[in-house]
Amino acid sequence: MAKYEVLRDCYGFQNRYWEKGEIVEIDPEMNPPKHFKKIKAESAAVKEQKQEEPTTAAAVAREELLVEAKSHGIKDAEVLNQEELLEVLARDISQQKIRAIVAKAKKRQQK
């Protein structure tokens, strides 16, 4: 297993959401995407110490938001980032605005 740093937020590789700055271990034979940068073991240890708690807490919070969005019937919620999830889950938002936010996230995903 080799350690990689995620260079930008993305979705799709191994069917999950990856956040920028996340440090992950991936089998090099799996051919990680170009926006996963292989890092040295010692620099990975330093970055993990600094980012361990916030990254984990953010991932848990995003997953909870994703579950809530799906329970509200928001289709394709997995393409939304955490900020967009918070926006679509606001009580005073219209269905039209939710659709616009999801469409924008899908368009961003396709690039």
Foldseek 3Di string as FASTA:
>chain_A
DFKWAQCAWAADQVGATDHHGDIDDDDVVSPDDPRTHTDDPVVSVVSCVVCVPVVVVLVVQQVVLLVVCVVVVQPPSRLDHSVLSVVVPDPPDDPVVSVVSSVVSVVVRVD
